[in-house]
Amino acid sequence: MTWTVSEITLEAHYMGGVPPDRAVLSCCSITKTPGRYVEERGADGSIQCSISEPPGLIVRGVDQAKLDTLPWKPTLLRYKDSTGKELEAEGRLRDTLEQNAAHFVLSRPA
């Protein structure tokens, strides 16, 4: 699923009443990527699943230089979908080879 999105807000929240760090960045779209799972068989023949790639969000059209200069690590991503509904996702940024894109790995499903 892909949404046309004009901006994202990245945040990092802290304990002890410290205000969160926040950055608003322009972008073009957000694409939700499903997790990839590998089925393996245990010694007793039971099926076990392990995550080979966690689910995530790919943010395209983001200014990579601004993203790279953030002195803190974002743990929350906020955006509005095409209907204007505000959505948020918890996770962390992960390196990506795609230019002008950010890969936000989800810590729980969005």
N, C-alpha and C. Protein backbone atom coordinates (compact mmCIF):
# COMPACT_ATOMS: atom_id res chain seq x y z
N MET A 1 0.84 -1.17 0.00
CA MET A 1 0.00 0.00 0.00
C MET A 1 0.89 1.24 0.00
N THR A 2 0.56 2.20 -0.85
CA THR A 2 1.33 3.45 -0.94
C THR A 2 0.39 4.63 -0.76
N TRP A 3 0.83 5.61 0.03
CA TRP A 3 0.09 6.84 0.25
C TRP A 3 0.89 8.00 -0.32
N THR A 4 0.20 8.97 -0.92
CA THR A 4 0.83 10.22 -1.31
C THR A 4 0.87 11.08 -0.05
N VAL A 5 2.06 11.47 0.35
CA VAL A 5 2.26 12.21 1.60
C VAL A 5 3.21 13.37 1.32
N SER A 6 2.89 14.56 1.83
CA SER A 6 3.73 15.72 1.56
C SER A 6 4.78 15.96 2.63
N GLU A 7 4.54 15.44 3.85
CA GLU A 7 5.55 15.60 4.90
C GLU A 7 5.39 14.53 5.97
N ILE A 8 6.48 14.30 6.67
CA ILE A 8 6.49 13.39 7.81
C ILE A 8 7.05 14.14 9.02
N THR A 9 6.69 13.66 10.18
CA THR A 9 7.27 14.18 11.41
C THR A 9 7.97 13.03 12.09
N LEU A 10 9.26 13.18 12.35
CA LEU A 10 10.03 12.20 13.09
C LEU A 10 10.19 12.70 14.52
N GLU A 11 10.06 11.79 15.48
CA GLU A 11 10.18 12.18 16.88
C GLU A 11 11.01 11.16 17.64
N ALA A 12 11.61 11.63 18.72
CA ALA A 12 12.30 10.76 19.68
C ALA A 12 11.79 11.18 21.06
N HIS A 13 11.20 10.24 21.78
CA HIS A 13 10.65 10.53 23.10
C HIS A 13 11.60 10.02 24.18
N TYR A 14 11.62 10.75 25.30
CA TYR A 14 12.55 10.45 26.38
C TYR A 14 11.79 10.33 27.69
N MET A 15 12.43 9.72 28.67
CA MET A 15 11.84 9.56 30.00
C MET A 15 12.10 10.81 30.84
N GLY A 16 11.38 10.93 31.93
CA GLY A 16 11.64 12.00 32.89
C GLY A 16 11.07 13.34 32.50
N GLY A 17 10.06 13.37 31.65
CA GLY A 17 9.44 14.63 31.29
C GLY A 17 10.25 15.50 30.34
N VAL A 18 11.30 14.95 29.77
CA VAL A 18 12.11 15.70 28.80
C VAL A 18 11.30 15.85 27.51
N PRO A 19 11.21 17.06 26.97
CA PRO A 19 10.44 17.22 25.73
C PRO A 19 11.05 16.40 24.59
N PRO A 20 10.20 15.90 23.69
CA PRO A 20 10.73 15.09 22.59
C PRO A 20 11.49 15.94 21.56
N ASP A 21 12.44 15.30 20.90
CA ASP A 21 13.06 15.91 19.72
C ASP A 21 12.09 15.68 18.57
N ARG A 22 12.03 16.65 17.64
CA ARG A 22 11.06 16.56 16.55
C ARG A 22 11.64 17.22 15.31
N ALA A 23 11.39 16.59 14.16
CA ALA A 23 11.80 17.17 12.87
C ALA A 23 10.70 16.90 11.85
N VAL A 24 10.35 17.93 11.10
CA VAL A 24 9.37 17.81 10.02
C VAL A 24 10.14 17.85 8.70
N LEU A 25 9.93 16.83 7.86
CA LEU A 25 10.64 16.73 6.59
C LEU A 25 9.64 16.57 5.45
N SER A 26 9.92 17.21 4.34
CA SER A 26 9.11 17.04 3.13
C SER A 26 9.36 15.66 2.54
N CYS A 27 8.35 15.12 1.87
CA CYS A 27 8.51 13.84 1.17
C CYS A 27 7.45 13.74 0.08
N CYS A 28 7.45 12.64 -0.66
CA CYS A 28 6.48 12.43 -1.75
C CYS A 28 5.47 11.33 -1.43
N SER A 29 5.96 10.24 -0.83
CA SER A 29 5.07 9.10 -0.59
C SER A 29 5.62 8.21 0.51
N ILE A 30 4.72 7.37 1.02
CA ILE A 30 5.09 6.35 2.00
C ILE A 30 4.52 5.02 1.51
N THR A 31 5.36 4.01 1.47
CA THR A 31 4.94 2.68 1.07
C THR A 31 5.12 1.72 2.23
N LYS A 32 4.06 0.99 2.55
CA LYS A 32 4.12 -0.01 3.61
C LYS A 32 4.69 -1.31 3.03
N THR A 33 5.72 -1.84 3.68
CA THR A 33 6.32 -3.09 3.21
C THR A 33 6.01 -4.19 4.22
N PRO A 34 5.56 -5.35 3.75
CA PRO A 34 5.26 -6.44 4.67
C PRO A 34 6.54 -7.08 5.19
N GLY A 35 6.43 -7.73 6.31
CA GLY A 35 7.57 -8.49 6.82
C GLY A 35 7.78 -9.74 5.99
N ARG A 36 8.98 -10.24 5.99
CA ARG A 36 9.29 -11.50 5.31
C ARG A 36 9.67 -12.52 6.38
N TYR A 37 9.05 -13.66 6.28
CA TYR A 37 9.27 -14.70 7.28
C TYR A 37 9.79 -15.96 6.61
N VAL A 38 10.62 -16.67 7.31
CA VAL A 38 11.19 -17.91 6.81
C VAL A 38 10.70 -19.04 7.71
N GLU A 39 10.14 -20.08 7.07
CA GLU A 39 9.72 -21.25 7.84
C GLU A 39 10.88 -22.23 7.92
N GLU A 40 11.16 -22.67 9.13
CA GLU A 40 12.21 -23.65 9.35
C GLU A 40 11.62 -24.80 10.15
N ARG A 41 12.21 -25.95 10.02
CA ARG A 41 11.75 -27.11 10.79
C ARG A 41 12.74 -27.40 11.91
N GLY A 42 12.18 -27.60 13.08
CA GLY A 42 13.00 -27.96 14.23
C GLY A 42 13.43 -29.41 14.14
N ALA A 43 14.26 -29.84 15.05
CA ALA A 43 14.75 -31.21 15.07
C ALA A 43 13.60 -32.20 15.24
N ASP A 44 12.54 -31.78 15.92
CA ASP A 44 11.39 -32.67 16.12
C ASP A 44 10.36 -32.56 14.99
N GLY A 45 10.68 -31.80 13.94
CA GLY A 45 9.79 -31.66 12.79
C GLY A 45 8.80 -30.52 12.91
N SER A 46 8.79 -29.82 14.04
CA SER A 46 7.85 -28.71 14.21
C SER A 46 8.27 -27.54 13.33
N ILE A 47 7.27 -26.77 12.88
CA ILE A 47 7.54 -25.61 12.03
C ILE A 47 7.77 -24.40 12.92
N GLN A 48 8.85 -23.70 12.63
CA GLN A 48 9.19 -22.49 13.37
C GLN A 48 9.36 -21.36 12.36
N CYS A 49 8.81 -20.21 12.69
CA CYS A 49 8.96 -19.05 11.81
C CYS A 49 9.97 -18.09 12.41
N SER A 50 10.79 -17.54 11.57
CA SER A 50 11.69 -16.49 12.02
C SER A 50 11.61 -15.33 11.03
N ILE A 51 11.78 -14.13 11.54
CA ILE A 51 11.70 -12.95 10.70
C ILE A 51 13.02 -12.76 9.97
N SER A 52 12.95 -12.65 8.63
CA SER A 52 14.17 -12.35 7.88
C SER A 52 14.21 -10.86 7.53
N GLU A 53 13.02 -10.23 7.47
CA GLU A 53 12.93 -8.79 7.20
C GLU A 53 11.67 -8.28 7.92
N PRO A 54 11.83 -7.41 8.91
CA PRO A 54 10.65 -6.91 9.62
C PRO A 54 9.80 -5.99 8.74
N PRO A 55 8.51 -5.83 9.07
CA PRO A 55 7.68 -4.91 8.31
C PRO A 55 8.19 -3.48 8.47
N GLY A 56 7.90 -2.63 7.48
CA GLY A 56 8.41 -1.26 7.57
C GLY A 56 7.66 -0.30 6.68
N LEU A 57 8.13 0.93 6.68
CA LEU A 57 7.61 1.99 5.84
C LEU A 57 8.77 2.60 5.07
N ILE A 58 8.62 2.72 3.76
CA ILE A 58 9.63 3.38 2.93
C ILE A 58 9.11 4.79 2.62
N VAL A 59 9.84 5.79 3.06
CA VAL A 59 9.48 7.19 2.81
C VAL A 59 10.32 7.66 1.63
N ARG A 60 9.65 8.03 0.54
CA ARG A 60 10.37 8.47 -0.66
C ARG A 60 10.28 9.98 -0.82
N GLY A 61 11.32 10.56 -1.43
CA GLY A 61 11.35 11.99 -1.70
C GLY A 61 11.82 12.82 -0.51
N VAL A 62 12.43 12.16 0.46
CA VAL A 62 12.92 12.85 1.65
C VAL A 62 14.33 13.39 1.38
N ASP A 63 14.67 14.52 1.99
CA ASP A 63 16.00 15.10 1.85
C ASP A 63 16.98 14.29 2.71
N GLN A 64 17.79 13.47 2.06
CA GLN A 64 18.71 12.57 2.76
C GLN A 64 19.71 13.34 3.62
N ALA A 65 20.15 14.50 3.15
CA ALA A 65 21.12 15.29 3.92
C ALA A 65 20.53 15.75 5.25
N LYS A 66 19.29 16.18 5.25
CA LYS A 66 18.64 16.59 6.50
C LYS A 66 18.46 15.41 7.43
N LEU A 67 18.10 14.29 6.87
CA LEU A 67 17.90 13.08 7.66
C LEU A 67 19.22 12.64 8.30
N ASP A 68 20.29 12.70 7.53
CA ASP A 68 21.60 12.26 8.03
C ASP A 68 22.18 13.18 9.11
N THR A 69 21.71 14.43 9.16
CA THR A 69 22.27 15.37 10.14
C THR A 69 21.49 15.41 11.46
N LEU A 70 20.44 14.60 11.58
CA LEU A 70 19.72 14.57 12.86
C LEU A 70 20.66 14.06 13.95
N PRO A 71 20.82 14.79 15.05
CA PRO A 71 21.74 14.37 16.11
C PRO A 71 21.12 13.35 17.08
N TRP A 72 19.90 12.92 16.81
CA TRP A 72 19.18 11.97 17.66
C TRP A 72 18.56 10.89 16.77
N LYS A 73 18.13 9.81 17.41
CA LYS A 73 17.57 8.68 16.67
C LYS A 73 16.05 8.66 16.79
N PRO A 74 15.34 8.86 15.69
CA PRO A 74 13.87 8.86 15.73
C PRO A 74 13.31 7.50 16.14
N THR A 75 12.25 7.53 16.94
CA THR A 75 11.56 6.31 17.36
C THR A 75 10.08 6.35 17.01
N LEU A 76 9.62 7.46 16.44
CA LEU A 76 8.22 7.61 16.07
C LEU A 76 8.12 8.39 14.77
N LEU A 77 7.26 7.91 13.87
CA LEU A 77 7.03 8.56 12.59
C LEU A 77 5.54 8.90 12.51
N ARG A 78 5.22 10.16 12.23
CA ARG A 78 3.84 10.60 12.07
C ARG A 78 3.64 11.10 10.64
N TYR A 79 2.44 10.84 10.09
CA TYR A 79 2.10 11.31 8.76
C TYR A 79 0.59 11.28 8.60
N LYS A 80 0.10 11.95 7.56
CA LYS A 80 -1.32 11.93 7.25
C LYS A 80 -1.52 11.15 5.96
N ASP A 81 -2.48 10.22 5.98
CA ASP A 81 -2.76 9.45 4.77
C ASP A 81 -3.56 10.30 3.79
N SER A 82 -3.95 9.71 2.67
CA SER A 82 -4.63 10.47 1.60
C SER A 82 -5.99 11.01 2.03
N THR A 83 -6.58 10.47 3.10
CA THR A 83 -7.86 10.98 3.59
C THR A 83 -7.67 12.08 4.63
N GLY A 84 -6.42 12.36 5.02
CA GLY A 84 -6.13 13.37 6.03
C GLY A 84 -6.06 12.82 7.44
N LYS A 85 -6.26 11.51 7.58
CA LYS A 85 -6.17 10.88 8.89
C LYS A 85 -4.71 10.81 9.34
N GLU A 86 -4.46 11.27 10.57
CA GLU A 86 -3.09 11.24 11.09
C GLU A 86 -2.77 9.82 11.60
N LEU A 87 -1.65 9.30 11.13
CA LEU A 87 -1.19 7.98 11.52
C LEU A 87 0.18 8.09 12.16
N GLU A 88 0.52 7.13 12.99
CA GLU A 88 1.85 7.10 13.59
C GLU A 88 2.35 5.67 13.64
N ALA A 89 3.65 5.54 13.64
CA ALA A 89 4.29 4.23 13.68
C ALA A 89 5.52 4.30 14.57
N GLU A 90 5.67 3.30 15.42
CA GLU A 90 6.87 3.21 16.27
C GLU A 90 7.88 2.33 15.58
N GLY A 91 9.15 2.69 15.72
CA GLY A 91 10.20 1.89 15.11
C GLY A 91 11.52 2.62 15.13
N ARG A 92 12.31 2.36 14.08
CA ARG A 92 13.64 2.98 13.99
C ARG A 92 14.02 3.09 12.52
N LEU A 93 14.89 4.04 12.24
CA LEU A 93 15.40 4.19 10.88
C LEU A 93 16.44 3.11 10.60
N ARG A 94 16.46 2.67 9.38
CA ARG A 94 17.42 1.65 8.94
C ARG A 94 18.06 2.14 7.65
N ASP A 95 19.29 1.79 7.44
CA ASP A 95 19.98 2.19 6.21
C ASP A 95 19.28 1.59 4.99
N THR A 96 19.27 2.36 3.91
CA THR A 96 18.72 1.89 2.65
C THR A 96 19.63 2.34 1.51
N LEU A 97 19.68 1.57 0.45
CA LEU A 97 20.49 1.93 -0.71
C LEU A 97 19.75 2.87 -1.65
N GLU A 98 18.43 2.97 -1.48
CA GLU A 98 17.63 3.82 -2.34
C GLU A 98 17.89 5.29 -2.03
N GLN A 99 18.17 6.09 -3.05
CA GLN A 99 18.46 7.51 -2.86
C GLN A 99 17.20 8.27 -2.51
N ASN A 100 17.34 9.30 -1.68
CA ASN A 100 16.23 10.15 -1.26
C ASN A 100 15.07 9.34 -0.68
N ALA A 101 15.43 8.35 0.11
CA ALA A 101 14.43 7.51 0.76
C ALA A 101 14.89 7.17 2.17
N ALA A 102 13.92 6.90 3.02
CA ALA A 102 14.20 6.47 4.38
C ALA A 102 13.42 5.19 4.63
N HIS A 103 14.06 4.23 5.26
CA HIS A 103 13.40 2.96 5.61
C HIS A 103 13.18 2.98 7.12
N PHE A 104 11.91 3.00 7.52
CA PHE A 104 11.55 3.04 8.94
C PHE A 104 11.02 1.65 9.30
N VAL A 105 11.81 0.89 10.06
CA VAL A 105 11.45 -0.46 10.47
C VAL A 105 10.49 -0.38 11.65
N LEU A 106 9.37 -1.07 11.55
CA LEU A 106 8.34 -1.00 12.58
C LEU A 106 8.64 -1.92 13.75
N SER A 107 8.42 -1.40 14.96
CA SER A 107 8.58 -2.24 16.14
C SER A 107 7.27 -2.95 16.48
N ARG A 108 6.17 -2.44 15.92
CA ARG A 108 4.87 -3.10 16.01
C ARG A 108 4.08 -2.69 14.76
N PRO A 109 3.13 -3.51 14.34
CA PRO A 109 2.41 -3.21 13.09
C PRO A 109 1.75 -1.84 13.13
N ALA A 110 1.77 -1.16 11.99
CA ALA A 110 1.16 0.18 11.88
C ALA A 110 -0.31 0.06 11.58
